[in-house]
Amino acid sequence: MVSFTCESHGFSPRNITLKWFKNGNELSHTQTSVHPTGESVSYSVSSTAQVTLAPGDIHSKVICEVAHITLQGSPLRGTANLSDTIRGTGS
């Protein structure tokens, strides 16, 4: 199992949607929190997804998608290629 983290900072109002996908399928093993919990000028969101690697994942992608009213309907997306994770950084 591998953990991925996605963060977004400096948004307002507090309502934000963050979703994780692996190859287009939404992931369910995620933990997301928005800070601060009370009233503030701006907010931050942090989310972690737990992804179980399979033999065919060398070509897979994990995507973090953030939607907020200020983005006018176009969510932000961050992509991680699982091939980079599987190969590692030990060289």
N, C-alpha and C. Protein backbone atom coordinates (compact mmCIF):
# COMPACT_ATOMS: atom_id res chain seq x y z
N MET A 1 0.85 -1.18 0.00
CA MET A 1 0.00 0.00 0.00
C MET A 1 0.89 1.24 0.00
N VAL A 2 0.49 2.24 -0.77
CA VAL A 2 1.24 3.48 -0.90
C VAL A 2 0.32 4.64 -0.56
N SER A 3 0.86 5.65 0.14
CA SER A 3 0.08 6.85 0.49
C SER A 3 0.45 8.00 -0.44
N PHE A 4 -0.57 8.74 -0.87
CA PHE A 4 -0.39 9.96 -1.65
C PHE A 4 -1.06 11.09 -0.90
N THR A 5 -0.46 12.28 -0.93
CA THR A 5 -1.02 13.45 -0.25
C THR A 5 -1.25 14.56 -1.26
N CYS A 6 -2.39 15.25 -1.09
CA CYS A 6 -2.76 16.37 -1.96
C CYS A 6 -3.15 17.54 -1.06
N GLU A 7 -2.64 18.73 -1.36
CA GLU A 7 -2.94 19.91 -0.56
C GLU A 7 -3.29 21.09 -1.45
N SER A 8 -4.16 21.95 -0.93
CA SER A 8 -4.49 23.22 -1.58
C SER A 8 -4.62 24.27 -0.49
N HIS A 9 -4.08 25.45 -0.73
CA HIS A 9 -4.04 26.48 0.30
C HIS A 9 -4.57 27.81 -0.22
N GLY A 10 -5.09 28.63 0.71
CA GLY A 10 -5.43 30.01 0.40
C GLY A 10 -6.76 30.21 -0.29
N PHE A 11 -7.73 29.34 -0.05
CA PHE A 11 -9.03 29.50 -0.69
C PHE A 11 -10.08 29.98 0.30
N SER A 12 -11.13 30.60 -0.20
CA SER A 12 -12.27 31.05 0.58
C SER A 12 -13.43 31.24 -0.39
N PRO A 13 -14.64 30.85 -0.04
CA PRO A 13 -15.11 30.31 1.24
C PRO A 13 -14.60 28.89 1.51
N ARG A 14 -14.99 28.37 2.70
CA ARG A 14 -14.45 27.11 3.21
C ARG A 14 -14.89 25.89 2.41
N ASN A 15 -16.07 25.92 1.80
CA ASN A 15 -16.59 24.75 1.09
C ASN A 15 -15.70 24.38 -0.09
N ILE A 16 -15.21 23.15 -0.09
CA ILE A 16 -14.33 22.66 -1.15
C ILE A 16 -14.56 21.16 -1.31
N THR A 17 -14.39 20.68 -2.52
CA THR A 17 -14.54 19.24 -2.79
C THR A 17 -13.21 18.71 -3.29
N LEU A 18 -12.74 17.63 -2.67
CA LEU A 18 -11.50 16.99 -3.08
C LEU A 18 -11.78 15.51 -3.29
N LYS A 19 -11.46 15.01 -4.47
CA LYS A 19 -11.69 13.61 -4.80
C LYS A 19 -10.40 13.00 -5.34
N TRP A 20 -10.26 11.71 -5.11
CA TRP A 20 -9.12 10.94 -5.61
C TRP A 20 -9.60 9.92 -6.63
N PHE A 21 -8.80 9.71 -7.68
CA PHE A 21 -9.13 8.73 -8.70
C PHE A 21 -7.89 7.91 -9.04
N LYS A 22 -8.10 6.64 -9.34
CA LYS A 22 -7.05 5.78 -9.89
C LYS A 22 -7.60 5.24 -11.20
N ASN A 23 -6.98 5.63 -12.30
CA ASN A 23 -7.42 5.21 -13.64
C ASN A 23 -8.90 5.52 -13.88
N GLY A 24 -9.35 6.68 -13.40
CA GLY A 24 -10.72 7.10 -13.63
C GLY A 24 -11.73 6.62 -12.61
N ASN A 25 -11.33 5.72 -11.71
CA ASN A 25 -12.24 5.21 -10.69
C ASN A 25 -11.99 5.93 -9.37
N GLU A 26 -13.07 6.43 -8.75
CA GLU A 26 -12.91 7.18 -7.50
C GLU A 26 -12.43 6.26 -6.38
N LEU A 27 -11.47 6.74 -5.61
CA LEU A 27 -10.92 5.98 -4.49
C LEU A 27 -11.72 6.26 -3.23
N SER A 28 -11.87 5.24 -2.39
CA SER A 28 -12.65 5.39 -1.16
C SER A 28 -11.79 5.46 0.10
N HIS A 29 -10.56 4.97 0.06
CA HIS A 29 -9.70 4.97 1.24
C HIS A 29 -8.94 6.29 1.33
N THR A 30 -9.67 7.35 1.71
CA THR A 30 -9.07 8.69 1.78
C THR A 30 -9.43 9.35 3.10
N GLN A 31 -8.58 10.27 3.53
CA GLN A 31 -8.84 11.10 4.70
C GLN A 31 -8.57 12.54 4.30
N THR A 32 -9.60 13.40 4.47
CA THR A 32 -9.50 14.79 4.05
C THR A 32 -9.89 15.70 5.21
N SER A 33 -9.12 16.78 5.40
CA SER A 33 -9.46 17.77 6.43
C SER A 33 -9.23 19.17 5.89
N VAL A 34 -10.10 20.10 6.35
CA VAL A 34 -10.00 21.51 5.98
C VAL A 34 -9.70 22.30 7.25
N HIS A 35 -8.70 23.19 7.18
CA HIS A 35 -8.30 23.99 8.34
C HIS A 35 -8.27 25.46 7.99
N PRO A 36 -8.52 26.37 8.91
CA PRO A 36 -9.03 26.08 10.25
C PRO A 36 -10.49 25.66 10.21
N THR A 37 -10.99 25.16 11.35
CA THR A 37 -12.37 24.69 11.40
C THR A 37 -13.35 25.84 11.59
N GLY A 38 -12.91 26.97 12.14
CA GLY A 38 -13.79 28.12 12.36
C GLY A 38 -13.72 29.12 11.22
N GLU A 39 -14.23 30.33 11.48
CA GLU A 39 -14.22 31.39 10.48
C GLU A 39 -12.79 31.86 10.22
N SER A 40 -12.48 32.14 8.96
CA SER A 40 -11.14 32.59 8.61
C SER A 40 -11.18 33.33 7.28
N VAL A 41 -10.11 34.07 7.00
CA VAL A 41 -9.98 34.76 5.72
C VAL A 41 -9.66 33.76 4.61
N SER A 42 -8.85 32.74 4.92
CA SER A 42 -8.53 31.72 3.92
C SER A 42 -8.37 30.36 4.60
N TYR A 43 -8.49 29.32 3.78
CA TYR A 43 -8.49 27.95 4.30
C TYR A 43 -7.48 27.10 3.53
N SER A 44 -7.17 25.95 4.12
CA SER A 44 -6.30 24.96 3.49
C SER A 44 -6.96 23.59 3.60
N VAL A 45 -6.75 22.75 2.59
CA VAL A 45 -7.25 21.38 2.62
C VAL A 45 -6.07 20.45 2.43
N SER A 46 -6.11 19.34 3.15
CA SER A 46 -5.09 18.31 3.02
C SER A 46 -5.81 16.96 2.95
N SER A 47 -5.39 16.12 2.03
CA SER A 47 -6.02 14.82 1.87
C SER A 47 -4.97 13.77 1.59
N THR A 48 -5.18 12.58 2.15
CA THR A 48 -4.29 11.45 1.92
C THR A 48 -5.11 10.29 1.38
N ALA A 49 -4.60 9.65 0.35
CA ALA A 49 -5.24 8.47 -0.24
C ALA A 49 -4.32 7.27 -0.07
N GLN A 50 -4.90 6.15 0.33
CA GLN A 50 -4.18 4.89 0.44
C GLN A 50 -4.45 4.08 -0.83
N VAL A 51 -3.40 3.75 -1.57
CA VAL A 51 -3.56 3.04 -2.84
C VAL A 51 -2.83 1.70 -2.75
N THR A 52 -3.56 0.63 -3.01
CA THR A 52 -2.97 -0.70 -3.07
C THR A 52 -2.43 -0.93 -4.47
N LEU A 53 -1.16 -1.26 -4.55
CA LEU A 53 -0.53 -1.48 -5.86
C LEU A 53 -0.81 -2.89 -6.37
N ALA A 54 -1.06 -2.98 -7.66
CA ALA A 54 -1.29 -4.26 -8.33
C ALA A 54 -0.21 -4.44 -9.40
N PRO A 55 0.01 -5.67 -9.87
CA PRO A 55 1.07 -5.91 -10.87
C PRO A 55 0.96 -5.04 -12.12
N GLY A 56 -0.24 -4.72 -12.56
CA GLY A 56 -0.41 -3.93 -13.77
C GLY A 56 -0.34 -2.43 -13.59
N ASP A 57 -0.03 -1.98 -12.38
CA ASP A 57 -0.08 -0.54 -12.08
C ASP A 57 1.08 0.27 -12.64
N ILE A 58 2.01 -0.34 -13.33
CA ILE A 58 3.13 0.39 -13.92
C ILE A 58 2.64 1.46 -14.89
N HIS A 59 1.44 1.28 -15.45
CA HIS A 59 0.86 2.26 -16.39
C HIS A 59 -0.28 3.06 -15.77
N SER A 60 -0.51 2.91 -14.46
CA SER A 60 -1.64 3.57 -13.80
C SER A 60 -1.30 4.98 -13.35
N LYS A 61 -2.36 5.77 -13.16
CA LYS A 61 -2.22 7.14 -12.66
C LYS A 61 -3.16 7.34 -11.48
N VAL A 62 -2.70 8.13 -10.51
CA VAL A 62 -3.55 8.56 -9.40
C VAL A 62 -3.74 10.06 -9.56
N ILE A 63 -5.00 10.50 -9.47
CA ILE A 63 -5.33 11.91 -9.68
C ILE A 63 -6.03 12.46 -8.46
N CYS A 64 -5.58 13.63 -8.01
CA CYS A 64 -6.26 14.40 -6.98
C CYS A 64 -7.00 15.53 -7.70
N GLU A 65 -8.31 15.63 -7.46
CA GLU A 65 -9.13 16.64 -8.12
C GLU A 65 -9.76 17.54 -7.07
N VAL A 66 -9.53 18.84 -7.20
CA VAL A 66 -10.05 19.83 -6.26
C VAL A 66 -11.03 20.74 -6.98
N ALA A 67 -12.24 20.85 -6.43
CA ALA A 67 -13.27 21.73 -7.01
C ALA A 67 -13.67 22.77 -5.97
N HIS A 68 -13.71 24.04 -6.41
CA HIS A 68 -14.08 25.16 -5.53
C HIS A 68 -14.82 26.19 -6.36
N ILE A 69 -15.71 26.93 -5.72
CA ILE A 69 -16.54 27.91 -6.44
C ILE A 69 -15.69 28.93 -7.19
N THR A 70 -14.52 29.27 -6.68
CA THR A 70 -13.67 30.27 -7.33
C THR A 70 -13.01 29.74 -8.61
N LEU A 71 -13.06 28.44 -8.82
CA LEU A 71 -12.48 27.85 -10.04
C LEU A 71 -13.44 27.88 -11.21
N GLN A 72 -14.65 28.37 -11.01
CA GLN A 72 -15.65 28.55 -12.07
C GLN A 72 -15.88 27.27 -12.87
N GLY A 73 -16.04 26.16 -12.15
CA GLY A 73 -16.43 24.91 -12.80
C GLY A 73 -15.30 24.08 -13.37
N SER A 74 -14.07 24.58 -13.34
CA SER A 74 -12.93 23.81 -13.86
C SER A 74 -12.06 23.35 -12.71
N PRO A 75 -12.20 22.08 -12.28
CA PRO A 75 -11.41 21.62 -11.14
C PRO A 75 -9.92 21.59 -11.43
N LEU A 76 -9.14 21.73 -10.37
CA LEU A 76 -7.68 21.56 -10.47
C LEU A 76 -7.37 20.08 -10.33
N ARG A 77 -6.39 19.60 -11.07
CA ARG A 77 -6.01 18.19 -11.00
C ARG A 77 -4.50 18.06 -10.86
N GLY A 78 -4.12 17.19 -9.94
CA GLY A 78 -2.72 16.80 -9.81
C GLY A 78 -2.60 15.32 -10.13
N THR A 79 -1.61 14.94 -10.91
CA THR A 79 -1.47 13.55 -11.35
C THR A 79 -0.15 12.96 -10.90
N ALA A 80 -0.21 11.72 -10.40
CA ALA A 80 1.00 10.96 -10.06
C ALA A 80 1.00 9.69 -10.90
N ASN A 81 2.10 9.45 -11.59
CA ASN A 81 2.25 8.21 -12.35
C ASN A 81 2.77 7.13 -11.41
N LEU A 82 2.03 6.02 -11.30
CA LEU A 82 2.45 4.97 -10.39
C LEU A 82 3.76 4.32 -10.82
N SER A 83 4.13 4.46 -12.08
CA SER A 83 5.42 3.92 -12.52
C SER A 83 6.57 4.58 -11.76
N ASP A 84 6.42 5.88 -11.44
CA ASP A 84 7.46 6.58 -10.67
C ASP A 84 7.55 6.03 -9.25
N THR A 85 6.40 5.69 -8.67
CA THR A 85 6.35 5.16 -7.31
C THR A 85 6.90 3.74 -7.28
N ILE A 86 6.53 2.94 -8.26
CA ILE A 86 6.95 1.54 -8.30
C ILE A 86 8.46 1.44 -8.50
N ARG A 87 9.02 2.29 -9.35
CA ARG A 87 10.47 2.27 -9.60
C ARG A 87 11.25 2.74 -8.38
N GLY A 88 10.64 3.68 -7.61
CA GLY A 88 11.30 4.19 -6.43
C GLY A 88 12.35 5.23 -6.75
N THR A 89 12.99 5.72 -5.71
CA THR A 89 14.00 6.77 -5.88
C THR A 89 15.35 6.32 -5.32
N GLY A 90 15.59 5.04 -5.26
CA GLY A 90 16.80 4.53 -4.64
C GLY A 90 18.05 4.57 -5.49
N SER A 91 17.96 5.02 -6.72
CA SER A 91 19.15 4.98 -7.59
C SER A 91 20.04 6.18 -7.38
